[in-house]
Amino acid sequence: MNHKAIYALYPNVVTVDDGAGASDAQGNKVAIDEAAVAAWVDPDAYKYKRAAAYPSIVDQLDLLYHGGIDAWKAAITAVKEEFPK
């Protein structure tokens, strides 16, 4: 069960339990549309993919030293183009 999707789609939900489902602040069960939860796309997903794809700081500094600012900009731009906002 995608907890982040449930919290995003159902702002009244305060707890999610994989076995018991979702509940609001008063402990009432909240009906969850599983299809909507499965179809939800995290709007911040590109941030995580970008962070993983960027070269390490050491590699970026090495690229700056040996290739100059234009080579560094090209490497960073390639990652940004691969994982757009």
PDB file of N, CA and C in Angstrom:
ATOM      1  N   MET A   1       0.852  -1.169   0.000  1.00  0.00           N
ATOM      2  CA  MET A   1       0.000   0.000   0.000  1.00  0.00           C
ATOM      3  C   MET A   1       0.903   1.240   0.000  1.00  0.00           C
ATOM      4  N   ASN A   2       0.637   2.155  -0.920  1.00  0.00           N
ATOM      5  CA  ASN A   2       1.435   3.364  -1.068  1.00  0.00           C
ATOM      6  C   ASN A   2       0.926   4.435  -0.098  1.00  0.00           C
ATOM      7  N   HIS A   3       1.564   4.535   1.030  1.00  0.00           N
ATOM      8  CA  HIS A   3       1.125   5.463   2.073  1.00  0.00           C
ATOM      9  C   HIS A   3       1.201   6.913   1.613  1.00  0.00           C
ATOM     10  N   LYS A   4       2.267   7.258   0.903  1.00  0.00           N
ATOM     11  CA  LYS A   4       2.424   8.635   0.449  1.00  0.00           C
ATOM     12  C   LYS A   4       1.281   9.028  -0.479  1.00  0.00           C
ATOM     13  N   ALA A   5       0.869   8.118  -1.353  1.00  0.00           N
ATOM     14  CA  ALA A   5      -0.247   8.391  -2.268  1.00  0.00           C
ATOM     15  C   ALA A   5      -1.544   8.569  -1.488  1.00  0.00           C
ATOM     16  N   ILE A   6      -1.767   7.752  -0.483  1.00  0.00           N
ATOM     17  CA  ILE A   6      -2.998   7.856   0.315  1.00  0.00           C
ATOM     18  C   ILE A   6      -3.048   9.202   1.031  1.00  0.00           C
ATOM     19  N   TYR A   7      -1.941   9.605   1.648  1.00  0.00           N
ATOM     20  CA  TYR A   7      -1.916  10.894   2.342  1.00  0.00           C
ATOM     21  C   TYR A   7      -2.118  12.050   1.356  1.00  0.00           C
ATOM     22  N   ALA A   8      -1.591  11.919   0.146  1.00  0.00           N
ATOM     23  CA  ALA A   8      -1.748  12.985  -0.848  1.00  0.00           C
ATOM     24  C   ALA A   8      -3.172  13.058  -1.383  1.00  0.00           C
ATOM     25  N   LEU A   9      -3.791  11.908  -1.606  1.00  0.00           N
ATOM     26  CA  LEU A   9      -5.133  11.865  -2.187  1.00  0.00           C
ATOM     27  C   LEU A   9      -6.246  12.080  -1.167  1.00  0.00           C
ATOM     28  N   TYR A  10      -5.980  11.726   0.091  1.00  0.00           N
ATOM     29  CA  TYR A  10      -7.000  11.815   1.143  1.00  0.00           C
ATOM     30  C   TYR A  10      -6.456  12.643   2.304  1.00  0.00           C
ATOM     31  N   PRO A  11      -6.612  13.972   2.249  1.00  0.00           N
ATOM     32  CA  PRO A  11      -6.026  14.830   3.290  1.00  0.00           C
ATOM     33  C   PRO A  11      -6.603  14.615   4.687  1.00  0.00           C
ATOM     34  N   ASN A  12      -7.774  13.963   4.788  1.00  0.00           N
ATOM     35  CA  ASN A  12      -8.365  13.714   6.104  1.00  0.00           C
ATOM     36  C   ASN A  12      -7.769  12.483   6.790  1.00  0.00           C
ATOM     37  N   VAL A  13      -6.988  11.703   6.079  1.00  0.00           N
ATOM     38  CA  VAL A  13      -6.374  10.496   6.648  1.00  0.00           C
ATOM     39  C   VAL A  13      -5.190  10.898   7.518  1.00  0.00           C
ATOM     40  N   VAL A  14      -5.154  10.353   8.735  1.00  0.00           N
ATOM     41  CA  VAL A  14      -4.032  10.633   9.642  1.00  0.00           C
ATOM     42  C   VAL A  14      -3.205   9.384   9.938  1.00  0.00           C
ATOM     43  N   THR A  15      -3.794   8.191   9.763  1.00  0.00           N
ATOM     44  CA  THR A  15      -3.035   6.958   9.958  1.00  0.00           C
ATOM     45  C   THR A  15      -3.370   5.963   8.853  1.00  0.00           C
ATOM     46  N   VAL A  16      -2.353   5.225   8.448  1.00  0.00           N
ATOM     47  CA  VAL A  16      -2.529   4.171   7.453  1.00  0.00           C
ATOM     48  C   VAL A  16      -1.893   2.916   8.015  1.00  0.00           C
ATOM     49  N   ASP A  17      -2.671   1.869   8.065  1.00  0.00           N
ATOM     50  CA  ASP A  17      -2.197   0.570   8.532  1.00  0.00           C
ATOM     51  C   ASP A  17      -2.471  -0.419   7.410  1.00  0.00           C
ATOM     52  N   ASP A  18      -1.426  -1.110   6.954  1.00  0.00           N
ATOM     53  CA  ASP A  18      -1.594  -2.038   5.835  1.00  0.00           C
ATOM     54  C   ASP A  18      -2.671  -3.083   6.093  1.00  0.00           C
ATOM     55  N   GLY A  19      -2.858  -3.467   7.325  1.00  0.00           N
ATOM     56  CA  GLY A  19      -3.858  -4.476   7.631  1.00  0.00           C
ATOM     57  C   GLY A  19      -5.239  -3.906   7.878  1.00  0.00           C
ATOM     58  N   ALA A  20      -5.306  -2.775   8.565  1.00  0.00           N
ATOM     59  CA  ALA A  20      -6.598  -2.205   8.960  1.00  0.00           C
ATOM     60  C   ALA A  20      -7.115  -1.147   8.009  1.00  0.00           C
ATOM     61  N   GLY A  21      -6.300  -0.622   7.134  1.00  0.00           N
ATOM     62  CA  GLY A  21      -6.726   0.428   6.219  1.00  0.00           C
ATOM     63  C   GLY A  21      -6.351   1.798   6.733  1.00  0.00           C
ATOM     64  N   ALA A  22      -7.127   2.800   6.316  1.00  0.00           N
ATOM     65  CA  ALA A  22      -6.834   4.186   6.667  1.00  0.00           C
ATOM     66  C   ALA A  22      -7.896   4.729   7.617  1.00  0.00           C
ATOM     67  N   SER A  23      -7.459   5.635   8.495  1.00  0.00           N
ATOM     68  CA  SER A  23      -8.373   6.222   9.474  1.00  0.00           C
ATOM     69  C   SER A  23      -8.176   7.727   9.522  1.00  0.00           C
ATOM     70  N   ASP A  24      -9.259   8.430   9.904  1.00  0.00           N
ATOM     71  CA  ASP A  24      -9.168   9.873  10.084  1.00  0.00           C
ATOM     72  C   ASP A  24      -8.814  10.181  11.536  1.00  0.00           C
ATOM     73  N   ALA A  25      -8.842  11.457  11.904  1.00  0.00           N
ATOM     74  CA  ALA A  25      -8.431  11.879  13.247  1.00  0.00           C
ATOM     75  C   ALA A  25      -9.322  11.313  14.351  1.00  0.00           C
ATOM     76  N   GLN A  26     -10.584  11.021  14.034  1.00  0.00           N
ATOM     77  CA  GLN A  26     -11.509  10.478  15.032  1.00  0.00           C
ATOM     78  C   GLN A  26     -11.467   8.948  15.073  1.00  0.00           C
ATOM     79  N   GLY A  27     -10.626   8.333  14.251  1.00  0.00           N
ATOM     80  CA  GLY A  27     -10.523   6.876  14.233  1.00  0.00           C
ATOM     81  C   GLY A  27     -11.501   6.209  13.285  1.00  0.00           C
ATOM     82  N   ASN A  28     -12.247   6.986  12.523  1.00  0.00           N
ATOM     83  CA  ASN A  28     -13.186   6.422  11.558  1.00  0.00           C
ATOM     84  C   ASN A  28     -12.437   5.905  10.336  1.00  0.00           C
ATOM     85  N   LYS A  29     -12.901   4.793   9.800  1.00  0.00           N
ATOM     86  CA  LYS A  29     -12.300   4.229   8.590  1.00  0.00           C
ATOM     87  C   LYS A  29     -12.581   5.147   7.410  1.00  0.00           C
ATOM     88  N   VAL A  30     -11.588   5.297   6.544  1.00  0.00           N
ATOM     89  CA  VAL A  30     -11.739   6.091   5.335  1.00  0.00           C
ATOM     90  C   VAL A  30     -11.656   5.129   4.156  1.00  0.00           C
ATOM     91  N   ALA A  31     -12.672   5.167   3.282  1.00  0.00           N
ATOM     92  CA  ALA A  31     -12.682   4.307   2.101  1.00  0.00           C
ATOM     93  C   ALA A  31     -11.627   4.797   1.114  1.00  0.00           C
ATOM     94  N   ILE A  32     -10.789   3.885   0.680  1.00  0.00           N
ATOM     95  CA  ILE A  32      -9.684   4.207  -0.223  1.00  0.00           C
ATOM     96  C   ILE A  32      -9.946   3.566  -1.583  1.00  0.00           C
ATOM     97  N   ASP A  33      -9.804   4.356  -2.640  1.00  0.00           N
ATOM     98  CA  ASP A  33      -9.922   3.854  -4.008  1.00  0.00           C
ATOM     99  C   ASP A  33      -8.547   3.327  -4.415  1.00  0.00           C
ATOM    100  N   GLU A  34      -8.399   2.016  -4.420  1.00  0.00           N
ATOM    101  CA  GLU A  34      -7.105   1.392  -4.717  1.00  0.00           C
ATOM    102  C   GLU A  34      -6.608   1.738  -6.115  1.00  0.00           C
ATOM    103  N   ALA A  35      -7.516   1.877  -7.071  1.00  0.00           N
ATOM    104  CA  ALA A  35      -7.114   2.219  -8.439  1.00  0.00           C
ATOM    105  C   ALA A  35      -6.511   3.618  -8.482  1.00  0.00           C
ATOM    106  N   ALA A  36      -7.111   4.551  -7.756  1.00  0.00           N
ATOM    107  CA  ALA A  36      -6.584   5.914  -7.713  1.00  0.00           C
ATOM    108  C   ALA A  36      -5.223   5.941  -7.022  1.00  0.00           C
ATOM    109  N   VAL A  37      -5.075   5.158  -5.982  1.00  0.00           N
ATOM    110  CA  VAL A  37      -3.795   5.094  -5.268  1.00  0.00           C
ATOM    111  C   VAL A  37      -2.721   4.490  -6.172  1.00  0.00           C
ATOM    112  N   ALA A  38      -3.077   3.449  -6.909  1.00  0.00           N
ATOM    113  CA  ALA A  38      -2.118   2.808  -7.806  1.00  0.00           C
ATOM    114  C   ALA A  38      -1.739   3.721  -8.968  1.00  0.00           C
ATOM    115  N   ALA A  39      -2.655   4.571  -9.408  1.00  0.00           N
ATOM    116  CA  ALA A  39      -2.405   5.456 -10.548  1.00  0.00           C
ATOM    117  C   ALA A  39      -1.681   6.737 -10.153  1.00  0.00           C
ATOM    118  N   TRP A  40      -1.612   7.034  -8.857  1.00  0.00           N
ATOM    119  CA  TRP A  40      -0.997   8.278  -8.398  1.00  0.00           C
ATOM    120  C   TRP A  40       0.489   8.292  -8.724  1.00  0.00           C
ATOM    121  N   VAL A  41       0.961   9.427  -9.229  1.00  0.00           N
ATOM    122  CA  VAL A  41       2.373   9.601  -9.546  1.00  0.00           C
ATOM    123  C   VAL A  41       2.933  10.664  -8.610  1.00  0.00           C
ATOM    124  N   ASP A  42       3.998  10.331  -7.929  1.00  0.00           N
ATOM    125  CA  ASP A  42       4.635  11.255  -6.987  1.00  0.00           C
ATOM    126  C   ASP A  42       5.193  12.454  -7.750  1.00  0.00           C
ATOM    127  N   PRO A  43       4.716  13.671  -7.458  1.00  0.00           N
ATOM    128  CA  PRO A  43       5.218  14.841  -8.179  1.00  0.00           C
ATOM    129  C   PRO A  43       6.683  15.162  -7.863  1.00  0.00           C
ATOM    130  N   ASP A  44       7.228  14.584  -6.827  1.00  0.00           N
ATOM    131  CA  ASP A  44       8.625  14.812  -6.468  1.00  0.00           C
ATOM    132  C   ASP A  44       9.554  13.700  -6.943  1.00  0.00           C
ATOM    133  N   ALA A  45       9.038  12.743  -7.707  1.00  0.00           N
ATOM    134  CA  ALA A  45       9.844  11.596  -8.126  1.00  0.00           C
ATOM    135  C   ALA A  45      11.068  12.019  -8.930  1.00  0.00           C
ATOM    136  N   TYR A  46      10.916  13.057  -9.753  1.00  0.00           N
ATOM    137  CA  TYR A  46      12.051  13.491 -10.566  1.00  0.00           C
ATOM    138  C   TYR A  46      13.217  13.952  -9.687  1.00  0.00           C
ATOM    139  N   LYS A  47      12.928  14.502  -8.519  1.00  0.00           N
ATOM    140  CA  LYS A  47      13.989  14.978  -7.632  1.00  0.00           C
ATOM    141  C   LYS A  47      14.876  13.830  -7.171  1.00  0.00           C
ATOM    142  N   TYR A  48      14.250  12.721  -6.817  1.00  0.00           N
ATOM    143  CA  TYR A  48      15.012  11.567  -6.332  1.00  0.00           C
ATOM    144  C   TYR A  48      15.836  10.955  -7.450  1.00  0.00           C
ATOM    145  N   LYS A  49      15.249  10.888  -8.653  1.00  0.00           N
ATOM    146  CA  LYS A  49      15.971  10.331  -9.801  1.00  0.00           C
ATOM    147  C   LYS A  49      17.141  11.219 -10.187  1.00  0.00           C
ATOM    148  N   ARG A  50      16.915  12.537 -10.164  1.00  0.00           N
ATOM    149  CA  ARG A  50      18.005  13.471 -10.474  1.00  0.00           C
ATOM    150  C   ARG A  50      19.139  13.347  -9.476  1.00  0.00           C
ATOM    151  N   ALA A  51      18.799  13.332  -8.213  1.00  0.00           N
ATOM    152  CA  ALA A  51      19.832  13.271  -7.175  1.00  0.00           C
ATOM    153  C   ALA A  51      20.700  12.029  -7.336  1.00  0.00           C
ATOM    154  N   ALA A  52      20.077  10.922  -7.708  1.00  0.00           N
ATOM    155  CA  ALA A  52      20.840   9.683  -7.895  1.00  0.00           C
ATOM    156  C   ALA A  52      21.687   9.724  -9.166  1.00  0.00           C
ATOM    157  N   ALA A  53      21.259  10.483 -10.173  1.00  0.00           N
ATOM    158  CA  ALA A  53      21.951  10.505 -11.460  1.00  0.00           C
ATOM    159  C   ALA A  53      23.095  11.511 -11.521  1.00  0.00           C
ATOM    160  N   TYR A  54      23.054  12.534 -10.672  1.00  0.00           N
ATOM    161  CA  TYR A  54      24.134  13.528 -10.700  1.00  0.00           C
ATOM    162  C   TYR A  54      25.464  12.866 -10.318  1.00  0.00           C
ATOM    163  N   PRO A  55      26.556  13.330 -10.948  1.00  0.00           N
ATOM    164  CA  PRO A  55      27.867  12.825 -10.511  1.00  0.00           C
ATOM    165  C   PRO A  55      28.135  13.254  -9.068  1.00  0.00           C
ATOM    166  N   SER A  56      28.988  12.509  -8.395  1.00  0.00           N
ATOM    167  CA  SER A  56      29.344  12.877  -7.024  1.00  0.00           C
ATOM    168  C   SER A  56      30.037  14.236  -7.030  1.00  0.00           C
ATOM    169  N   ILE A  57      30.099  14.870  -5.888  1.00  0.00           N
ATOM    170  CA  ILE A  57      30.759  16.169  -5.777  1.00  0.00           C
ATOM    171  C   ILE A  57      32.226  16.054  -6.199  1.00  0.00           C
ATOM    172  N   VAL A  58      32.871  14.975  -5.811  1.00  0.00           N
ATOM    173  CA  VAL A  58      34.272  14.762  -6.186  1.00  0.00           C
ATOM    174  C   VAL A  58      34.399  14.715  -7.705  1.00  0.00           C
ATOM    175  N   ASP A  59      33.503  13.964  -8.364  1.00  0.00           N
ATOM    176  CA  ASP A  59      33.561  13.869  -9.824  1.00  0.00           C
ATOM    177  C   ASP A  59      33.227  15.207 -10.484  1.00  0.00           C
ATOM    178  N   GLN A  60      32.293  15.949  -9.901  1.00  0.00           N
ATOM    179  CA  GLN A  60      31.964  17.260 -10.459  1.00  0.00           C
ATOM    180  C   GLN A  60      33.144  18.225 -10.351  1.00  0.00           C
ATOM    181  N   LEU A  61      33.811  18.213  -9.208  1.00  0.00           N
ATOM    182  CA  LEU A  61      34.978  19.090  -9.048  1.00  0.00           C
ATOM    183  C   LEU A  61      36.110  18.686  -9.986  1.00  0.00           C
ATOM    184  N   ASP A  62      36.285  17.396 -10.178  1.00  0.00           N
ATOM    185  CA  ASP A  62      37.306  16.910 -11.101  1.00  0.00           C
ATOM    186  C   ASP A  62      36.970  17.349 -12.535  1.00  0.00           C
ATOM    187  N   LEU A  63      35.700  17.260 -12.895  1.00  0.00           N
ATOM    188  CA  LEU A  63      35.252  17.684 -14.209  1.00  0.00           C
ATOM    189  C   LEU A  63      35.478  19.185 -14.398  1.00  0.00           C
ATOM    190  N   LEU A  64      35.202  19.964 -13.373  1.00  0.00           N
ATOM    191  CA  LEU A  64      35.452  21.406 -13.431  1.00  0.00           C
ATOM    192  C   LEU A  64      36.940  21.709 -13.639  1.00  0.00           C
ATOM    193  N   TYR A  65      37.763  21.014 -12.903  1.00  0.00           N
ATOM    194  CA  TYR A  65      39.203  21.259 -12.980  1.00  0.00           C
ATOM    195  C   TYR A  65      39.769  20.873 -14.344  1.00  0.00           C
ATOM    196  N   HIS A  66      39.391  19.686 -14.832  1.00  0.00           N
ATOM    197  CA  HIS A  66      39.971  19.172 -16.075  1.00  0.00           C
ATOM    198  C   HIS A  66      39.219  19.616 -17.325  1.00  0.00           C
ATOM    199  N   GLY A  67      37.913  19.816 -17.223  1.00  0.00           N
ATOM    200  CA  GLY A  67      37.130  20.137 -18.414  1.00  0.00           C
ATOM    201  C   GLY A  67      36.606  21.559 -18.460  1.00  0.00           C
ATOM    202  N   GLY A  68      36.663  22.248 -17.339  1.00  0.00           N
ATOM    203  CA  GLY A  68      36.180  23.621 -17.303  1.00  0.00           C
ATOM    204  C   GLY A  68      34.688  23.693 -17.008  1.00  0.00           C
ATOM    205  N   ILE A  69      34.222  24.928 -16.898  1.00  0.00           N
ATOM    206  CA  ILE A  69      32.833  25.166 -16.512  1.00  0.00           C
ATOM    207  C   ILE A  69      31.862  24.658 -17.571  1.00  0.00           C
ATOM    208  N   ASP A  70      32.238  24.738 -18.837  1.00  0.00           N
ATOM    209  CA  ASP A  70      31.334  24.299 -19.901  1.00  0.00           C
ATOM    210  C   ASP A  70      31.115  22.786 -19.865  1.00  0.00           C
ATOM    211  N   ALA A  71      32.152  22.025 -19.570  1.00  0.00           N
ATOM    212  CA  ALA A  71      32.010  20.566 -19.458  1.00  0.00           C
ATOM    213  C   ALA A  71      31.133  20.207 -18.257  1.00  0.00           C
ATOM    214  N   TRP A  72      31.321  20.927 -17.160  1.00  0.00           N
ATOM    215  CA  TRP A  72      30.499  20.685 -15.970  1.00  0.00           C
ATOM    216  C   TRP A  72      29.039  21.009 -16.261  1.00  0.00           C
ATOM    217  N   LYS A  73      28.788  22.165 -16.899  1.00  0.00           N
ATOM    218  CA  LYS A  73      27.420  22.550 -17.243  1.00  0.00           C
ATOM    219  C   LYS A  73      26.768  21.514 -18.156  1.00  0.00           C
ATOM    220  N   ALA A  74      27.525  20.983 -19.099  1.00  0.00           N
ATOM    221  CA  ALA A  74      26.987  19.977 -20.023  1.00  0.00           C
ATOM    222  C   ALA A  74      26.578  18.711 -19.262  1.00  0.00           C
ATOM    223  N   ALA A  75      27.386  18.288 -18.301  1.00  0.00           N
ATOM    224  CA  ALA A  75      27.070  17.085 -17.522  1.00  0.00           C
ATOM    225  C   ALA A  75      25.823  17.295 -16.675  1.00  0.00           C
ATOM    226  N   ILE A  76      25.709  18.446 -16.053  1.00  0.00           N
ATOM    227  CA  ILE A  76      24.548  18.735 -15.212  1.00  0.00           C
ATOM    228  C   ILE A  76      23.296  18.891 -16.067  1.00  0.00           C
ATOM    229  N   THR A  77      23.421  19.574 -17.195  1.00  0.00           N
ATOM    230  CA  THR A  77      22.286  19.769 -18.096  1.00  0.00           C
ATOM    231  C   THR A  77      21.778  18.439 -18.635  1.00  0.00           C
ATOM    232  N   ALA A  78      22.678  17.513 -18.925  1.00  0.00           N
ATOM    233  CA  ALA A  78      22.261  16.195 -19.420  1.00  0.00           C
ATOM    234  C   ALA A  78      21.375  15.477 -18.406  1.00  0.00           C
ATOM    235  N   VAL A  79      21.717  15.573 -17.138  1.00  0.00           N
ATOM    236  CA  VAL A  79      20.900  14.940 -16.098  1.00  0.00           C
ATOM    237  C   VAL A  79      19.553  15.638 -15.997  1.00  0.00           C
ATOM    238  N   LYS A  80      19.559  16.971 -16.047  1.00  0.00           N
ATOM    239  CA  LYS A  80      18.306  17.714 -15.950  1.00  0.00           C
ATOM    240  C   LYS A  80      17.378  17.419 -17.130  1.00  0.00           C
ATOM    241  N   GLU A  81      17.968  17.225 -18.310  1.00  0.00           N
ATOM    242  CA  GLU A  81      17.150  16.897 -19.482  1.00  0.00           C
ATOM    243  C   GLU A  81      16.603  15.469 -19.426  1.00  0.00           C
ATOM    244  N   GLU A  82      17.388  14.564 -18.835  1.00  0.00           N
ATOM    245  CA  GLU A  82      16.947  13.177 -18.704  1.00  0.00           C
ATOM    246  C   GLU A  82      15.796  13.052 -17.705  1.00  0.00           C
ATOM    247  N   PHE A  83      15.800  13.877 -16.654  1.00  0.00           N
ATOM    248  CA  PHE A  83      14.762  13.854 -15.617  1.00  0.00           C
ATOM    249  C   PHE A  83      14.166  15.254 -15.463  1.00  0.00           C
ATOM    250  N   PRO A  84      13.326  15.686 -16.415  1.00  0.00           N
ATOM    251  CA  PRO A  84      12.759  17.042 -16.343  1.00  0.00           C
ATOM    252  C   PRO A  84      11.755  17.192 -15.211  1.00  0.00           C
ATOM    253  N   LYS A  85      11.508  18.452 -14.857  1.00  0.00           N
ATOM    254  CA  LYS A  85      10.517  18.760 -13.819  1.00  0.00           C
ATOM    255  C   LYS A  85       9.132  18.446 -14.319  1.00  0.00           C
TER     256      LYS A  85
END
